[in-house]
Amino acid sequence: MKKGGSFFWGVFLGTIAGLIVGMIFSTKKEEKIKNILEKKTEELRDNLQEIGNRIGKKVHKIKSDFESKWKKNKIEKMDQVEDELGT
């Protein structure tokens, strides 16, 4: 009986030790994973902000170009109409 009891206690203590070691390493792993995810999330946010700024600048340039061409075309049309009317 003594051998069976020793085996049981060995399994029991080994399980407890494994759980403790697993908990210690899992928290370190979780922190490491959390840090990696935070870093990647921050990089993604920065990249999206940069892309948004680029798109905003391009839209502003397209708008400005369109407005200047519109005004130029409008003035040319007005000049044509004035020439046709003789005023």
PDB file of N, CA and C in Angstrom:
ATOM      1  N   MET A   1       0.805  -1.192   0.000  1.00  0.00           N
ATOM      2  CA  MET A   1       0.000   0.000   0.000  1.00  0.00           C
ATOM      3  C   MET A   1       0.854   1.265   0.000  1.00  0.00           C
ATOM      4  N   LYS A   2       1.989   1.176   0.594  1.00  0.00           N
ATOM      5  CA  LYS A   2       2.825   2.353   0.684  1.00  0.00           C
ATOM      6  C   LYS A   2       3.284   2.820  -0.697  1.00  0.00           C
ATOM      7  N   LYS A   3       3.556   1.889  -1.606  1.00  0.00           N
ATOM      8  CA  LYS A   3       3.978   2.278  -2.948  1.00  0.00           C
ATOM      9  C   LYS A   3       2.840   2.959  -3.692  1.00  0.00           C
ATOM     10  N   GLY A   4       1.633   2.459  -3.552  1.00  0.00           N
ATOM     11  CA  GLY A   4       0.475   3.074  -4.208  1.00  0.00           C
ATOM     12  C   GLY A   4       0.227   4.478  -3.689  1.00  0.00           C
ATOM     13  N   GLY A   5       0.387   4.669  -2.409  1.00  0.00           N
ATOM     14  CA  GLY A   5       0.204   5.990  -1.803  1.00  0.00           C
ATOM     15  C   GLY A   5       1.280   6.958  -2.273  1.00  0.00           C
ATOM     16  N   SER A   6       2.501   6.479  -2.380  1.00  0.00           N
ATOM     17  CA  SER A   6       3.591   7.330  -2.843  1.00  0.00           C
ATOM     18  C   SER A   6       3.366   7.745  -4.299  1.00  0.00           C
ATOM     19  N   PHE A   7       2.880   6.821  -5.103  1.00  0.00           N
ATOM     20  CA  PHE A   7       2.590   7.122  -6.497  1.00  0.00           C
ATOM     21  C   PHE A   7       1.500   8.187  -6.597  1.00  0.00           C
ATOM     22  N   PHE A   8       0.443   8.019  -5.781  1.00  0.00           N
ATOM     23  CA  PHE A   8      -0.661   8.979  -5.776  1.00  0.00           C
ATOM     24  C   PHE A   8      -0.153  10.361  -5.393  1.00  0.00           C
ATOM     25  N   TRP A   9       0.664  10.434  -4.321  1.00  0.00           N
ATOM     26  CA  TRP A   9       1.185  11.739  -3.902  1.00  0.00           C
ATOM     27  C   TRP A   9       2.125  12.331  -4.951  1.00  0.00           C
ATOM     28  N   GLY A  10       2.865  11.508  -5.624  1.00  0.00           N
ATOM     29  CA  GLY A  10       3.753  11.990  -6.682  1.00  0.00           C
ATOM     30  C   GLY A  10       2.957  12.586  -7.839  1.00  0.00           C
ATOM     31  N   VAL A  11       1.873  11.887  -8.223  1.00  0.00           N
ATOM     32  CA  VAL A  11       1.010  12.408  -9.295  1.00  0.00           C
ATOM     33  C   VAL A  11       0.340  13.706  -8.846  1.00  0.00           C
ATOM     34  N   PHE A  12      -0.145  13.719  -7.619  1.00  0.00           N
ATOM     35  CA  PHE A  12      -0.826  14.895  -7.081  1.00  0.00           C
ATOM     36  C   PHE A  12       0.123  16.092  -7.018  1.00  0.00           C
ATOM     37  N   LEU A  13       1.297  15.915  -6.445  1.00  0.00           N
ATOM     38  CA  LEU A  13       2.257  17.019  -6.333  1.00  0.00           C
ATOM     39  C   LEU A  13       2.780  17.451  -7.703  1.00  0.00           C
ATOM     40  N   GLY A  14       2.963  16.495  -8.609  1.00  0.00           N
ATOM     41  CA  GLY A  14       3.400  16.827  -9.965  1.00  0.00           C
ATOM     42  C   GLY A  14       2.347  17.653 -10.700  1.00  0.00           C
ATOM     43  N   THR A  15       1.066  17.301 -10.490  1.00  0.00           N
ATOM     44  CA  THR A  15      -0.025  18.063 -11.108  1.00  0.00           C
ATOM     45  C   THR A  15      -0.066  19.480 -10.562  1.00  0.00           C
ATOM     46  N   ILE A  16       0.045  19.617  -9.251  1.00  0.00           N
ATOM     47  CA  ILE A  16       0.035  20.948  -8.625  1.00  0.00           C
ATOM     48  C   ILE A  16       1.221  21.774  -9.129  1.00  0.00           C
ATOM     49  N   ALA A  17       2.399  21.168  -9.166  1.00  0.00           N
ATOM     50  CA  ALA A  17       3.595  21.882  -9.646  1.00  0.00           C
ATOM     51  C   ALA A  17       3.409  22.291 -11.103  1.00  0.00           C
ATOM     52  N   GLY A  18       2.843  21.403 -11.912  1.00  0.00           N
ATOM     53  CA  GLY A  18       2.594  21.730 -13.321  1.00  0.00           C
ATOM     54  C   GLY A  18       1.626  22.877 -13.480  1.00  0.00           C
ATOM     55  N   LEU A  19       0.581  22.887 -12.655  1.00  0.00           N
ATOM     56  CA  LEU A  19      -0.387  23.989 -12.709  1.00  0.00           C
ATOM     57  C   LEU A  19       0.256  25.317 -12.331  1.00  0.00           C
ATOM     58  N   ILE A  20       1.061  25.300 -11.294  1.00  0.00           N
ATOM     59  CA  ILE A  20       1.730  26.544 -10.849  1.00  0.00           C
ATOM     60  C   ILE A  20       2.676  27.053 -11.925  1.00  0.00           C
ATOM     61  N   VAL A  21       3.504  26.151 -12.461  1.00  0.00           N
ATOM     62  CA  VAL A  21       4.443  26.553 -13.519  1.00  0.00           C
ATOM     63  C   VAL A  21       3.673  27.033 -14.750  1.00  0.00           C
ATOM     64  N   GLY A  22       2.607  26.331 -15.098  1.00  0.00           N
ATOM     65  CA  GLY A  22       1.790  26.742 -16.245  1.00  0.00           C
ATOM     66  C   GLY A  22       1.187  28.120 -16.050  1.00  0.00           C
ATOM     67  N   MET A  23       0.714  28.408 -14.849  1.00  0.00           N
ATOM     68  CA  MET A  23       0.125  29.720 -14.575  1.00  0.00           C
ATOM     69  C   MET A  23       1.179  30.816 -14.652  1.00  0.00           C
ATOM     70  N   ILE A  24       2.369  30.529 -14.153  1.00  0.00           N
ATOM     71  CA  ILE A  24       3.444  31.528 -14.186  1.00  0.00           C
ATOM     72  C   ILE A  24       3.816  31.849 -15.627  1.00  0.00           C
ATOM     73  N   PHE A  25       4.021  30.815 -16.438  1.00  0.00           N
ATOM     74  CA  PHE A  25       4.420  31.040 -17.824  1.00  0.00           C
ATOM     75  C   PHE A  25       3.286  31.591 -18.673  1.00  0.00           C
ATOM     76  N   SER A  26       2.065  31.205 -18.357  1.00  0.00           N
ATOM     77  CA  SER A  26       0.948  31.694 -19.177  1.00  0.00           C
ATOM     78  C   SER A  26       0.737  33.181 -18.974  1.00  0.00           C
ATOM     79  N   THR A  27       0.924  33.695 -17.765  1.00  0.00           N
ATOM     80  CA  THR A  27       0.761  35.135 -17.553  1.00  0.00           C
ATOM     81  C   THR A  27       1.849  35.907 -18.287  1.00  0.00           C
ATOM     82  N   LYS A  28       3.063  35.358 -18.306  1.00  0.00           N
ATOM     83  CA  LYS A  28       4.133  36.029 -19.046  1.00  0.00           C
ATOM     84  C   LYS A  28       3.834  35.998 -20.541  1.00  0.00           C
ATOM     85  N   LYS A  29       3.322  34.872 -21.005  1.00  0.00           N
ATOM     86  CA  LYS A  29       2.984  34.766 -22.420  1.00  0.00           C
ATOM     87  C   LYS A  29       1.845  35.709 -22.766  1.00  0.00           C
ATOM     88  N   GLU A  30       0.842  35.772 -21.882  1.00  0.00           N
ATOM     89  CA  GLU A  30      -0.287  36.662 -22.124  1.00  0.00           C
ATOM     90  C   GLU A  30       0.169  38.112 -22.181  1.00  0.00           C
ATOM     91  N   GLU A  31       1.066  38.496 -21.279  1.00  0.00           N
ATOM     92  CA  GLU A  31       1.585  39.862 -21.295  1.00  0.00           C
ATOM     93  C   GLU A  31       2.354  40.126 -22.579  1.00  0.00           C
ATOM     94  N   LYS A  32       3.139  39.145 -23.004  1.00  0.00           N
ATOM     95  CA  LYS A  32       3.923  39.301 -24.231  1.00  0.00           C
ATOM     96  C   LYS A  32       2.984  39.443 -25.420  1.00  0.00           C
ATOM     97  N   ILE A  33       1.977  38.591 -25.484  1.00  0.00           N
ATOM     98  CA  ILE A  33       0.999  38.663 -26.576  1.00  0.00           C
ATOM     99  C   ILE A  33       0.252  39.985 -26.518  1.00  0.00           C
ATOM    100  N   LYS A  34      -0.127  40.407 -25.314  1.00  0.00           N
ATOM    101  CA  LYS A  34      -0.836  41.680 -25.148  1.00  0.00           C
ATOM    102  C   LYS A  34       0.028  42.845 -25.638  1.00  0.00           C
ATOM    103  N   ASN A  35       1.312  42.830 -25.282  1.00  0.00           N
ATOM    104  CA  ASN A  35       2.220  43.892 -25.730  1.00  0.00           C
ATOM    105  C   ASN A  35       2.357  43.898 -27.247  1.00  0.00           C
ATOM    106  N   ILE A  36       2.454  42.718 -27.836  1.00  0.00           N
ATOM    107  CA  ILE A  36       2.568  42.625 -29.292  1.00  0.00           C
ATOM    108  C   ILE A  36       1.304  43.165 -29.948  1.00  0.00           C
ATOM    109  N   LEU A  37       0.136  42.768 -29.422  1.00  0.00           N
ATOM    110  CA  LEU A  37      -1.132  43.242 -29.985  1.00  0.00           C
ATOM    111  C   LEU A  37      -1.280  44.756 -29.840  1.00  0.00           C
ATOM    112  N   GLU A  38      -0.887  45.289 -28.686  1.00  0.00           N
ATOM    113  CA  GLU A  38      -0.950  46.741 -28.494  1.00  0.00           C
ATOM    114  C   GLU A  38      -0.053  47.463 -29.494  1.00  0.00           C
ATOM    115  N   LYS A  39       1.146  46.933 -29.691  1.00  0.00           N
ATOM    116  CA  LYS A  39       2.094  47.555 -30.627  1.00  0.00           C
ATOM    117  C   LYS A  39       1.541  47.518 -32.053  1.00  0.00           C
ATOM    118  N   LYS A  40       1.014  46.359 -32.456  1.00  0.00           N
ATOM    119  CA  LYS A  40       0.469  46.226 -33.812  1.00  0.00           C
ATOM    120  C   LYS A  40      -0.762  47.106 -33.989  1.00  0.00           C
ATOM    121  N   THR A  41      -1.589  47.205 -32.950  1.00  0.00           N
ATOM    122  CA  THR A  41      -2.774  48.061 -33.019  1.00  0.00           C
ATOM    123  C   THR A  41      -2.366  49.522 -33.173  1.00  0.00           C
ATOM    124  N   GLU A  42      -1.355  49.936 -32.436  1.00  0.00           N
ATOM    125  CA  GLU A  42      -0.862  51.315 -32.537  1.00  0.00           C
ATOM    126  C   GLU A  42      -0.290  51.582 -33.932  1.00  0.00           C
ATOM    127  N   GLU A  43       0.472  50.617 -34.471  1.00  0.00           N
ATOM    128  CA  GLU A  43       1.019  50.768 -35.819  1.00  0.00           C
ATOM    129  C   GLU A  43      -0.106  50.874 -36.850  1.00  0.00           C
ATOM    130  N   LEU A  44      -1.120  50.051 -36.699  1.00  0.00           N
ATOM    131  CA  LEU A  44      -2.260  50.077 -37.617  1.00  0.00           C
ATOM    132  C   LEU A  44      -2.973  51.418 -37.549  1.00  0.00           C
ATOM    133  N   ARG A  45      -3.187  51.925 -36.326  1.00  0.00           N
ATOM    134  CA  ARG A  45      -3.846  53.226 -36.159  1.00  0.00           C
ATOM    135  C   ARG A  45      -3.021  54.336 -36.818  1.00  0.00           C
ATOM    136  N   ASP A  46      -1.707  54.314 -36.613  1.00  0.00           N
ATOM    137  CA  ASP A  46      -0.846  55.326 -37.221  1.00  0.00           C
ATOM    138  C   ASP A  46      -0.877  55.233 -38.748  1.00  0.00           C
ATOM    139  N   ASN A  47      -0.846  54.008 -39.274  1.00  0.00           N
ATOM    140  CA  ASN A  47      -0.896  53.824 -40.729  1.00  0.00           C
ATOM    141  C   ASN A  47      -2.222  54.319 -41.293  1.00  0.00           C
ATOM    142  N   LEU A  48      -3.317  54.034 -40.601  1.00  0.00           N
ATOM    143  CA  LEU A  48      -4.630  54.491 -41.075  1.00  0.00           C
ATOM    144  C   LEU A  48      -4.729  56.017 -41.035  1.00  0.00           C
ATOM    145  N   GLN A  49      -4.156  56.631 -40.004  1.00  0.00           N
ATOM    146  CA  GLN A  49      -4.152  58.095 -39.935  1.00  0.00           C
ATOM    147  C   GLN A  49      -3.335  58.680 -41.086  1.00  0.00           C
ATOM    148  N   GLU A  50      -2.195  58.072 -41.377  1.00  0.00           N
ATOM    149  CA  GLU A  50      -1.352  58.542 -42.477  1.00  0.00           C
ATOM    150  C   GLU A  50      -2.086  58.408 -43.816  1.00  0.00           C
ATOM    151  N   ILE A  51      -2.737  57.269 -44.018  1.00  0.00           N
ATOM    152  CA  ILE A  51      -3.499  57.058 -45.249  1.00  0.00           C
ATOM    153  C   ILE A  51      -4.630  58.076 -45.340  1.00  0.00           C
ATOM    154  N   GLY A  52      -5.303  58.319 -44.226  1.00  0.00           N
ATOM    155  CA  GLY A  52      -6.375  59.316 -44.204  1.00  0.00           C
ATOM    156  C   GLY A  52      -5.868  60.700 -44.560  1.00  0.00           C
ATOM    157  N   ASN A  53      -4.704  61.060 -44.031  1.00  0.00           N
ATOM    158  CA  ASN A  53      -4.117  62.367 -44.349  1.00  0.00           C
ATOM    159  C   ASN A  53      -3.769  62.463 -45.838  1.00  0.00           C
ATOM    160  N   ARG A  54      -3.191  61.395 -46.393  1.00  0.00           N
ATOM    161  CA  ARG A  54      -2.853  61.393 -47.821  1.00  0.00           C
ATOM    162  C   ARG A  54      -4.105  61.545 -48.679  1.00  0.00           C
ATOM    163  N   ILE A  55      -5.136  60.792 -48.328  1.00  0.00           N
ATOM    164  CA  ILE A  55      -6.387  60.872 -49.092  1.00  0.00           C
ATOM    165  C   ILE A  55      -6.972  62.278 -48.987  1.00  0.00           C
ATOM    166  N   GLY A  56      -6.929  62.846 -47.780  1.00  0.00           N
ATOM    167  CA  GLY A  56      -7.439  64.205 -47.589  1.00  0.00           C
ATOM    168  C   GLY A  56      -6.698  65.218 -48.453  1.00  0.00           C
ATOM    169  N   LYS A  57      -5.380  65.097 -48.517  1.00  0.00           N
ATOM    170  CA  LYS A  57      -4.587  66.015 -49.345  1.00  0.00           C
ATOM    171  C   LYS A  57      -4.917  65.850 -50.823  1.00  0.00           C
ATOM    172  N   LYS A  58      -5.065  64.593 -51.259  1.00  0.00           N
ATOM    173  CA  LYS A  58      -5.388  64.364 -52.668  1.00  0.00           C
ATOM    174  C   LYS A  58      -6.771  64.889 -53.018  1.00  0.00           C
ATOM    175  N   VAL A  59      -7.738  64.673 -52.131  1.00  0.00           N
ATOM    176  CA  VAL A  59      -9.089  65.185 -52.366  1.00  0.00           C
ATOM    177  C   VAL A  59      -9.067  66.704 -52.429  1.00  0.00           C
ATOM    178  N   HIS A  60      -8.317  67.335 -51.528  1.00  0.00           N
ATOM    179  CA  HIS A  60      -8.216  68.800 -51.533  1.00  0.00           C
ATOM    180  C   HIS A  60      -7.585  69.288 -52.842  1.00  0.00           C
ATOM    181  N   LYS A  61      -6.547  68.594 -53.312  1.00  0.00           N
ATOM    182  CA  LYS A  61      -5.895  68.987 -54.566  1.00  0.00           C
ATOM    183  C   LYS A  61      -6.856  68.825 -55.743  1.00  0.00           C
ATOM    184  N   ILE A  62      -7.570  67.705 -55.781  1.00  0.00           N
ATOM    185  CA  ILE A  62      -8.539  67.481 -56.865  1.00  0.00           C
ATOM    186  C   ILE A  62      -9.617  68.556 -56.836  1.00  0.00           C
ATOM    187  N   LYS A  63     -10.089  68.892 -55.646  1.00  0.00           N
ATOM    188  CA  LYS A  63     -11.119  69.933 -55.501  1.00  0.00           C
ATOM    189  C   LYS A  63     -10.592  71.285 -55.985  1.00  0.00           C
ATOM    190  N   SER A  64      -9.375  71.620 -55.584  1.00  0.00           N
ATOM    191  CA  SER A  64      -8.785  72.897 -55.993  1.00  0.00           C
ATOM    192  C   SER A  64      -8.600  72.952 -57.511  1.00  0.00           C
ATOM    193  N   ASP A  65      -8.084  71.849 -58.080  1.00  0.00           N
ATOM    194  CA  ASP A  65      -7.903  71.793 -59.533  1.00  0.00           C
ATOM    195  C   ASP A  65      -9.241  71.938 -60.247  1.00  0.00           C
ATOM    196  N   PHE A  66     -10.253  71.251 -59.751  1.00  0.00           N
ATOM    197  CA  PHE A  66     -11.574  71.320 -60.369  1.00  0.00           C
ATOM    198  C   PHE A  66     -12.133  72.732 -60.298  1.00  0.00           C
ATOM    199  N   GLU A  67     -12.004  73.371 -59.129  1.00  0.00           N
ATOM    200  CA  GLU A  67     -12.516  74.732 -58.971  1.00  0.00           C
ATOM    201  C   GLU A  67     -11.796  75.697 -59.904  1.00  0.00           C
ATOM    202  N   SER A  68     -10.469  75.560 -60.010  1.00  0.00           N
ATOM    203  CA  SER A  68      -9.736  76.494 -60.876  1.00  0.00           C
ATOM    204  C   SER A  68     -10.101  76.254 -62.340  1.00  0.00           C
ATOM    205  N   LYS A  69     -10.253  74.993 -62.759  1.00  0.00           N
ATOM    206  CA  LYS A  69     -10.650  74.706 -64.136  1.00  0.00           C
ATOM    207  C   LYS A  69     -12.081  75.179 -64.386  1.00  0.00           C
ATOM    208  N   TRP A  70     -12.932  75.026 -63.402  1.00  0.00           N
ATOM    209  CA  TRP A  70     -14.330  75.461 -63.527  1.00  0.00           C
ATOM    210  C   TRP A  70     -14.395  76.976 -63.720  1.00  0.00           C
ATOM    211  N   LYS A  71     -13.645  77.696 -62.889  1.00  0.00           N
ATOM    212  CA  LYS A  71     -13.633  79.158 -62.995  1.00  0.00           C
ATOM    213  C   LYS A  71     -13.048  79.583 -64.332  1.00  0.00           C
ATOM    214  N   LYS A  72     -11.958  78.955 -64.748  1.00  0.00           N
ATOM    215  CA  LYS A  72     -11.316  79.292 -66.017  1.00  0.00           C
ATOM    216  C   LYS A  72     -12.274  79.025 -67.176  1.00  0.00           C
ATOM    217  N   ASN A  73     -12.922  77.870 -67.152  1.00  0.00           N
ATOM    218  CA  ASN A  73     -13.875  77.513 -68.201  1.00  0.00           C
ATOM    219  C   ASN A  73     -15.059  78.475 -68.191  1.00  0.00           C
ATOM    220  N   LYS A  74     -15.520  78.848 -67.010  1.00  0.00           N
ATOM    221  CA  LYS A  74     -16.653  79.771 -66.882  1.00  0.00           C
ATOM    222  C   LYS A  74     -16.290  81.138 -67.462  1.00  0.00           C
ATOM    223  N   ILE A  75     -15.087  81.607 -67.174  1.00  0.00           N
ATOM    224  CA  ILE A  75     -14.638  82.904 -67.695  1.00  0.00           C
ATOM    225  C   ILE A  75     -14.514  82.839 -69.212  1.00  0.00           C
ATOM    226  N   GLU A  76     -13.953  81.749 -69.755  1.00  0.00           N
ATOM    227  CA  GLU A  76     -13.827  81.598 -71.203  1.00  0.00           C
ATOM    228  C   GLU A  76     -15.200  81.574 -71.856  1.00  0.00           C
ATOM    229  N   LYS A  77     -16.148  80.880 -71.251  1.00  0.00           N
ATOM    230  CA  LYS A  77     -17.508  80.831 -71.800  1.00  0.00           C
ATOM    231  C   LYS A  77     -18.138  82.212 -71.770  1.00  0.00           C
ATOM    232  N   MET A  78     -17.902  82.948 -70.693  1.00  0.00           N
ATOM    233  CA  MET A  78     -18.467  84.294 -70.599  1.00  0.00           C
ATOM    234  C   MET A  78     -17.849  85.186 -71.670  1.00  0.00           C
ATOM    235  N   ASP A  79     -16.537  85.047 -71.897  1.00  0.00           N
ATOM    236  CA  ASP A  79     -15.876  85.824 -72.940  1.00  0.00           C
ATOM    237  C   ASP A  79     -16.454  85.480 -74.310  1.00  0.00           C
ATOM    238  N   GLN A  80     -16.717  84.190 -74.543  1.00  0.00           N
ATOM    239  CA  GLN A  80     -17.304  83.769 -75.822  1.00  0.00           C
ATOM    240  C   GLN A  80     -18.683  84.395 -75.994  1.00  0.00           C
ATOM    241  N   VAL A  81     -19.478  84.336 -74.958  1.00  0.00           N
ATOM    242  CA  VAL A  81     -20.837  84.897 -75.033  1.00  0.00           C
ATOM    243  C   VAL A  81     -20.765  86.404 -75.276  1.00  0.00           C
ATOM    244  N   GLU A  82     -19.865  87.091 -74.592  1.00  0.00           N
ATOM    245  CA  GLU A  82     -19.710  88.527 -74.788  1.00  0.00           C
ATOM    246  C   GLU A  82     -19.276  88.837 -76.220  1.00  0.00           C
ATOM    247  N   ASP A  83     -18.350  88.024 -76.755  1.00  0.00           N
ATOM    248  CA  ASP A  83     -17.910  88.232 -78.118  1.00  0.00           C
ATOM    249  C   ASP A  83     -19.056  88.031 -79.089  1.00  0.00           C
ATOM    250  N   GLU A  84     -19.849  87.005 -78.841  1.00  0.00           N
ATOM    251  CA  GLU A  84     -20.984  86.741 -79.728  1.00  0.00           C
ATOM    252  C   GLU A  84     -22.040  87.835 -79.645  1.00  0.00           C
ATOM    253  N   LEU A  85     -22.218  88.370 -78.457  1.00  0.00           N
ATOM    254  CA  LEU A  85     -23.217  89.445 -78.289  1.00  0.00           C
ATOM    255  C   LEU A  85     -22.646  90.795 -78.705  1.00  0.00           C
ATOM    256  N   GLY A  86     -21.340  90.879 -78.796  1.00  0.00           N
ATOM    257  CA  GLY A  86     -20.696  92.126 -79.195  1.00  0.00           C
ATOM    258  C   GLY A  86     -20.652  93.130 -78.076  1.00  0.00           C
ATOM    259  N   THR A  87     -20.608  92.702 -76.861  1.00  0.00           N
ATOM    260  CA  THR A  87     -20.558  93.650 -75.745  1.00  0.00           C
ATOM    261  C   THR A  87     -19.181  93.780 -75.195  1.00  0.00           C
TER     262      THR A  87
END
